[in-house]
Protein backbone atom coordinates (compact mmCIF):
# COMPACT_ATOMS: atom_id res chain seq x y z
CA UNK A 1 -3.08 2.69 -21.37
CA UNK A 2 -4.49 -0.74 -20.53
CA UNK A 3 -3.18 -2.52 -17.44
CA UNK A 4 -1.70 -5.96 -18.22
CA UNK A 5 -3.42 -7.90 -15.46
CA UNK A 6 -1.94 -11.28 -16.38
CA UNK A 7 1.70 -10.27 -16.08
CA UNK A 8 3.68 -10.42 -12.86
CA UNK A 9 3.96 -7.22 -10.86
CA UNK A 10 7.26 -5.38 -11.08
CA UNK A 11 8.69 -4.43 -7.70
CA UNK A 12 10.47 -1.11 -7.50
CA UNK A 13 12.30 0.52 -4.64
CA UNK A 14 10.01 2.96 -2.85
CA UNK A 15 11.55 6.02 -1.22
CA UNK A 16 11.37 5.75 2.56
CA UNK A 17 9.17 8.84 2.78
CA UNK A 18 6.54 7.47 0.35
CA UNK A 19 3.47 6.17 2.23
CA UNK A 20 2.26 2.65 1.52
CA UNK A 21 -0.91 2.77 -0.57
CA UNK A 22 -3.96 0.98 0.82
CA UNK A 23 -6.45 -0.38 -1.72
CA UNK A 24 -10.05 -1.33 -0.97
CA UNK A 25 -12.44 -3.65 -2.77
CA UNK A 26 -15.63 -5.15 -1.35
CA UNK A 27 -15.15 -5.89 2.34
CA UNK A 28 -11.38 -6.03 1.89
CA UNK A 29 -8.44 -3.68 2.24
CA UNK A 30 -4.85 -4.48 1.35
CA UNK A 31 -1.40 -3.19 0.55
CA UNK A 32 1.22 -4.76 -1.69
CA UNK A 33 2.96 -5.93 1.50
CA UNK A 34 0.08 -7.74 3.24
CA UNK A 35 -2.06 -8.97 0.32
CA UNK A 36 -0.46 -12.35 -0.31
CA UNK A 37 0.07 -15.42 1.87
CA UNK A 38 2.70 -17.97 0.88
CA UNK A 39 1.18 -21.41 0.35
CA UNK A 40 2.81 -24.67 -0.66
CA UNK A 41 1.74 -27.84 -2.41
CA UNK A 42 4.24 -30.67 -2.02
CA UNK A 43 6.84 -28.00 -1.16
CA UNK A 44 6.03 -26.03 -4.33
CA UNK A 45 5.42 -22.38 -3.44
CA UNK A 46 2.52 -20.31 -4.71
CA UNK A 47 0.45 -17.44 -3.26
CA UNK A 48 -3.12 -16.96 -2.09
CA UNK A 49 -4.80 -13.88 -0.65
CA UNK A 50 -4.98 -13.12 3.06
CA UNK A 51 -8.74 -13.78 3.11
CA UNK A 52 -8.53 -17.25 1.57
CA UNK A 53 -8.49 -19.36 4.74
CA UNK A 54 -11.34 -17.85 6.76
CA UNK A 55 -13.50 -15.64 4.52
CA UNK A 56 -16.07 -16.05 1.74
CA UNK A 57 -16.37 -14.28 -1.62
CA UNK A 58 -12.99 -12.65 -2.20
CA UNK A 59 -13.56 -9.59 -4.37
CA UNK A 60 -11.04 -8.91 -7.13
CA UNK A 61 -9.94 -5.63 -8.69
CA UNK A 62 -7.32 -4.57 -11.20
CA UNK A 63 -5.27 -3.17 -8.31
CA UNK A 64 -5.41 -6.50 -6.46
CA UNK A 65 -4.22 -8.44 -9.49
CA UNK A 66 -1.46 -5.92 -10.14
CA UNK A 67 -0.23 -6.01 -6.52
CA UNK A 68 -0.30 -9.79 -6.11
CA UNK A 69 2.74 -12.03 -6.25
CA UNK A 70 2.94 -14.91 -8.72
CA UNK A 71 2.02 -17.68 -9.05
CA UNK A 72 -1.34 -16.59 -7.66
CA UNK A 73 -4.53 -18.49 -6.88
CA UNK A 74 -7.61 -16.55 -5.74
CA UNK A 75 -10.44 -18.79 -4.60
CA UNK A 76 -14.12 -17.91 -4.06
CA UNK A 77 -14.50 -14.88 -6.31
CA UNK A 78 -18.10 -13.57 -5.87
CA UNK A 79 -20.69 -15.16 -8.17
CA UNK A 80 -21.62 -11.75 -9.64
CA UNK A 81 -18.01 -10.77 -10.42
CA UNK A 82 -16.71 -10.64 -14.02
CA UNK A 83 -13.53 -12.34 -12.82
CA UNK A 84 -12.75 -16.03 -12.35
CA UNK A 85 -13.83 -19.38 -13.76
CA UNK A 86 -15.86 -22.16 -12.09
CA UNK A 87 -13.62 -24.78 -10.49
CA UNK A 88 -14.17 -28.44 -9.63
CA UNK A 89 -15.80 -27.82 -6.26
CA UNK A 90 -18.89 -26.06 -4.96
CA UNK A 91 -20.09 -24.14 -1.97
CA UNK A 92 -22.68 -26.10 -0.02
CA UNK A 93 -25.70 -24.04 1.00
CA UNK A 94 -28.36 -25.05 3.49
CA UNK A 95 -31.76 -23.55 2.60
CA UNK A 96 -32.58 -22.72 6.21
CA UNK A 97 -35.36 -20.30 5.19
CA UNK A 98 -37.30 -23.08 3.46
CA UNK A 99 -39.64 -25.09 5.73
CA UNK A 100 -38.86 -28.16 3.60
CA UNK A 101 -35.28 -28.07 4.89
CA UNK A 102 -36.55 -28.74 8.40
CA UNK A 103 -39.36 -31.17 7.53
CA UNK A 104 -37.16 -33.62 5.59
CA UNK A 105 -37.56 -36.88 7.54
CA UNK A 106 -33.90 -37.95 7.63
CA UNK A 107 -32.67 -34.46 8.49
CA UNK A 108 -35.32 -34.01 11.20
CA UNK A 109 -34.35 -37.34 12.77
CA UNK A 110 -30.63 -36.52 12.75
CA UNK A 111 -31.24 -33.03 14.13
CA UNK A 112 -33.35 -34.53 16.92
CA UNK A 113 -30.53 -36.92 17.82
CA UNK A 114 -28.02 -34.07 17.91
CA UNK A 115 -30.26 -31.88 20.06
CA UNK A 116 -30.76 -34.74 22.53
CA UNK A 117 -27.02 -35.37 22.67
CA UNK A 118 -26.33 -31.76 23.67
CA UNK A 119 -29.38 -31.22 25.88
CA UNK A 120 -27.35 -31.40 29.09
CA UNK A 121 -24.87 -28.79 27.87
CA UNK A 122 -25.17 -24.99 27.80
CA UNK A 123 -25.08 -23.21 24.43
CA UNK A 124 -24.52 -19.46 24.21
CA UNK A 125 -25.05 -17.47 20.99
CA UNK A 126 -23.97 -13.86 20.50
CA UNK A 127 -23.63 -11.39 17.65
CA UNK A 128 -20.57 -9.14 17.85
CA UNK A 129 -19.44 -6.34 15.58
CA UNK A 130 -16.44 -7.36 13.54
CA UNK A 131 -14.63 -4.12 14.31
CA UNK A 132 -14.73 -4.99 18.04
CA UNK A 133 -12.62 -8.15 17.54
CA UNK A 134 -8.84 -8.22 17.81
CA UNK A 135 -6.09 -10.76 17.34
CA UNK A 136 -6.07 -11.93 20.96
CA UNK A 137 -9.82 -12.68 20.83
CA UNK A 138 -9.39 -14.58 17.59
CA UNK A 139 -6.62 -16.70 19.09
CA UNK A 140 -8.77 -17.41 22.15
CA UNK A 141 -11.66 -18.58 19.96
CA UNK A 142 -9.65 -20.47 17.36
CA UNK A 143 -5.95 -20.69 18.20
CA UNK A 144 -5.88 -24.48 18.42
CA UNK A 145 -7.81 -24.78 15.16
CA UNK A 146 -5.52 -22.29 13.43
CA UNK A 147 -2.41 -24.21 14.50
CA UNK A 148 -3.89 -27.54 13.43
CA UNK A 149 -4.90 -26.18 10.00
CA UNK A 150 -1.69 -24.14 9.55
CA UNK A 151 -3.61 -20.87 9.32
CA UNK A 152 -1.11 -18.05 9.59
CA UNK A 153 -1.32 -14.78 11.47
CA UNK A 154 -1.69 -12.88 8.19
CA UNK A 155 -4.83 -14.90 7.40
CA UNK A 156 -6.28 -14.19 10.85
CA UNK A 157 -5.59 -10.50 10.25
CA UNK A 158 -7.29 -10.93 6.88
CA UNK A 159 -10.41 -12.15 8.68
CA UNK A 160 -10.34 -9.11 10.98
CA UNK A 161 -10.02 -6.86 7.94
CA UNK A 162 -12.91 -8.58 6.14
CA UNK A 163 -15.36 -8.26 9.04
CA UNK A 164 -14.54 -4.69 10.05
CA UNK A 165 -17.91 -3.55 8.61
CA UNK A 166 -19.82 -6.81 9.24
CA UNK A 167 -21.26 -8.67 12.22
CA UNK A 168 -19.95 -12.01 13.45
CA UNK A 169 -22.00 -14.84 14.97
CA UNK A 170 -20.27 -16.66 17.83
CA UNK A 171 -21.68 -19.94 19.23
CA UNK A 172 -20.11 -21.40 22.37
CA UNK A 173 -21.02 -24.62 24.15
CA UNK A 174 -20.04 -25.63 27.70
CA UNK A 175 -20.36 -28.82 29.72
CA UNK A 176 -21.80 -29.09 33.25
CA UNK A 177 -18.44 -28.06 34.77
CA UNK A 178 -18.14 -24.97 32.60
CA UNK A 179 -15.46 -26.47 30.35
CA UNK A 180 -15.76 -25.32 26.76
CA UNK A 181 -16.87 -27.96 24.26
CA UNK A 182 -16.66 -25.80 21.13
CA UNK A 183 -16.54 -22.29 19.75
CA UNK A 184 -18.01 -21.71 16.31
CA UNK A 185 -17.54 -18.45 14.38
CA UNK A 186 -19.57 -17.38 11.34
CA UNK A 187 -19.71 -14.21 9.23
CA UNK A 188 -23.11 -12.59 8.67
CA UNK A 189 -23.57 -11.55 5.02
CA UNK A 190 -26.86 -9.61 4.77
CA UNK A 191 -26.22 -8.70 1.12
CA UNK A 192 -26.46 -12.42 0.29
CA UNK A 193 -29.03 -13.22 3.03
CA UNK A 194 -26.41 -15.72 4.10
CA UNK A 195 -24.37 -16.90 7.08
CA UNK A 196 -20.88 -18.13 6.23
CA UNK A 197 -19.29 -20.73 8.50
CA UNK A 198 -15.73 -19.50 9.02
CA UNK A 199 -14.25 -21.88 11.61
CA UNK A 200 -15.12 -24.16 14.51
CA UNK A 201 -12.77 -25.17 17.32
CA UNK A 202 -13.78 -28.05 19.57
CA UNK A 203 -12.45 -30.01 22.52
CA UNK A 204 -11.24 -33.41 21.31
CA UNK A 205 -12.55 -35.02 24.49
CA UNK A 206 -16.08 -34.46 23.10
CA UNK A 207 -15.44 -35.73 19.58
CA UNK A 208 -17.92 -38.59 20.06
CA UNK A 209 -20.69 -36.00 20.48
CA UNK A 210 -20.03 -34.56 16.96
CA UNK A 211 -19.56 -30.97 18.20
CA UNK A 212 -18.82 -29.55 14.75
CA UNK A 213 -22.06 -30.92 13.31
CA UNK A 214 -24.08 -29.70 16.28
CA UNK A 215 -22.50 -26.25 15.84
CA UNK A 216 -23.80 -26.21 12.25
CA UNK A 217 -27.28 -27.06 13.53
CA UNK A 218 -27.16 -24.28 16.13
CA UNK A 219 -26.17 -21.75 13.45
CA UNK A 220 -28.91 -22.98 11.10
CA UNK A 221 -31.55 -22.61 13.82
CA UNK A 222 -30.36 -19.12 14.70
CA UNK A 223 -30.30 -18.11 11.03
CA UNK A 224 -33.83 -19.43 10.44
CA UNK A 225 -35.13 -17.51 13.45
CA UNK A 226 -33.37 -14.30 12.37
CA UNK A 227 -34.45 -14.11 8.74
CA UNK A 228 -31.49 -15.58 6.85
CA UNK A 229 -32.12 -17.70 3.76
CA UNK A 230 -28.92 -19.75 3.59
CA UNK A 231 -26.15 -21.13 5.73
CA UNK A 232 -22.97 -21.47 3.66
CA UNK A 233 -20.88 -24.44 4.81
CA UNK A 234 -18.00 -23.61 2.48
CA UNK A 235 -16.50 -26.03 -0.08
CA UNK A 236 -18.08 -29.47 0.09
CA UNK A 237 -15.79 -31.71 -1.97
CA UNK A 238 -13.70 -33.11 0.90
CA UNK A 239 -16.26 -32.94 3.70
CA UNK A 240 -18.88 -35.74 3.58
CA UNK A 241 -20.48 -34.67 6.90
CA UNK A 242 -21.83 -31.54 5.20
CA UNK A 243 -24.20 -33.68 3.12
CA UNK A 244 -26.67 -33.67 6.02
CA UNK A 245 -27.16 -29.92 5.63
CA UNK A 246 -26.50 -29.10 1.98
CA UNK A 247 -29.56 -28.56 -0.23
CA UNK A 248 -28.02 -26.28 -2.88
CA UNK A 249 -24.65 -26.30 -4.63
CA UNK A 250 -23.25 -22.94 -5.69
CA UNK A 251 -20.33 -22.73 -8.16
CA UNK A 252 -17.01 -21.58 -6.75
CA UNK A 253 -15.17 -19.22 -9.07
CA UNK A 254 -11.41 -18.81 -8.91
CA UNK A 255 -8.39 -17.33 -10.66
CA UNK A 256 -5.01 -18.96 -11.21
CA UNK A 257 -2.20 -16.93 -12.78
CA UNK A 258 0.75 -19.26 -13.31
CA UNK A 259 3.55 -19.27 -15.88
CA UNK A 260 3.52 -22.26 -18.26
CA UNK A 261 6.86 -23.60 -17.00
CA UNK A 262 6.11 -23.40 -13.28
CA UNK A 263 6.62 -26.54 -11.17
CA UNK A 264 2.91 -26.65 -10.28
CA UNK A 265 2.19 -27.86 -13.80
CA UNK A 266 4.46 -30.87 -13.33
CA UNK A 267 2.71 -32.21 -10.20
CA UNK A 268 -0.42 -34.20 -11.17
CA UNK A 269 -1.93 -33.50 -7.73
CA UNK A 270 -1.46 -29.71 -7.88
CA UNK A 271 -4.49 -27.40 -7.60
CA UNK A 272 -3.98 -26.33 -11.22
CA UNK A 273 -4.92 -29.84 -12.34
CA UNK A 274 -7.31 -30.96 -9.59
CA UNK A 275 -9.23 -27.72 -8.96
CA UNK A 276 -9.30 -26.01 -12.34
CA UNK A 277 -10.96 -27.33 -15.50
CA UNK A 278 -8.96 -27.60 -18.74
CA UNK A 279 -8.22 -24.10 -20.01
CA UNK A 280 -9.17 -22.52 -16.68
CA UNK A 281 -5.68 -21.48 -15.59
CA UNK A 282 -4.70 -17.95 -16.69
CA UNK A 283 -8.32 -17.27 -17.69
CA UNK A 284 -8.85 -14.02 -15.83
CA UNK A 285 -12.48 -13.44 -16.84
CA UNK A 286 -15.39 -15.88 -16.84
CA UNK A 287 -17.32 -14.34 -19.74
CA UNK A 288 -15.67 -13.01 -22.88
CA UNK A 289 -18.27 -10.31 -23.57
CA UNK A 290 -18.20 -9.10 -19.97
CA UNK A 291 -14.43 -9.32 -19.96
CA UNK A 292 -14.02 -6.99 -22.94
CA UNK A 293 -16.44 -4.46 -21.50
CA UNK A 294 -14.91 -4.58 -18.03
CA UNK A 295 -11.30 -4.53 -19.22
CA UNK A 296 -11.95 -1.41 -21.31
CA UNK A 297 -12.60 0.50 -18.09
CA UNK A 298 -9.28 -0.48 -16.47
CA UNK A 299 -6.42 1.96 -16.90
CA UNK A 300 -2.87 1.95 -15.63
């Protein structure tokens, strides 16, 4: 029996003694209870996954689709996945393994200015195992940023889940008095030869120094010296400062499963209309031939 992946999941009462089933796909694990995070657009409710805010490349499975609440939007499906359609934004990649990235005259001049600006400060770089991190450490490194960006506890826990078998790059910068200027956290993705910039928290008193941009430079330099090909700065559409680093644009694939009468369709600024191309909503697979082959393997 084929699983109807487009339909909404049907909730049933589970006997108290029945254990909650944990599903795994890619670097992710989830249950029907912790998978989804409530999001809003102009007070209209929809759902994203718990990895959406802080993680790259959200893998999708039949179990994930079946467990998820509706309406659902899953951003950043891996480029090699059969799921998802390209949306109206791109990941910005810095080709840090290419000498031409560093020799570009404008970039070299800007990087020199940044390095000079931070010369009097102390920068510390460490690689930690994801499984060694906990919620209190995450709040210490990014609590102010999370509050400012309305990143919920469930999304922080999603990050901890995602990195449990990965390493995390942490860059900290301090002034002459030992006060922290910024903390930058990235996920190391050896399977993609890539570093993904997850979040950066900085002290507003140092805004004039451009701490977020300098953090990107510090990560790029570390990645170059440690054999990585790309630094992934995340979506680029709303962030002009990333232009200094970006040399390659990678499509972002996503899934939106929304009923035709939902309020999101009536708001001209909703992600259904601004992020997805015409016909992209409720298109579960990106390639018809792949879709038929892949769907034939999914059973209820």
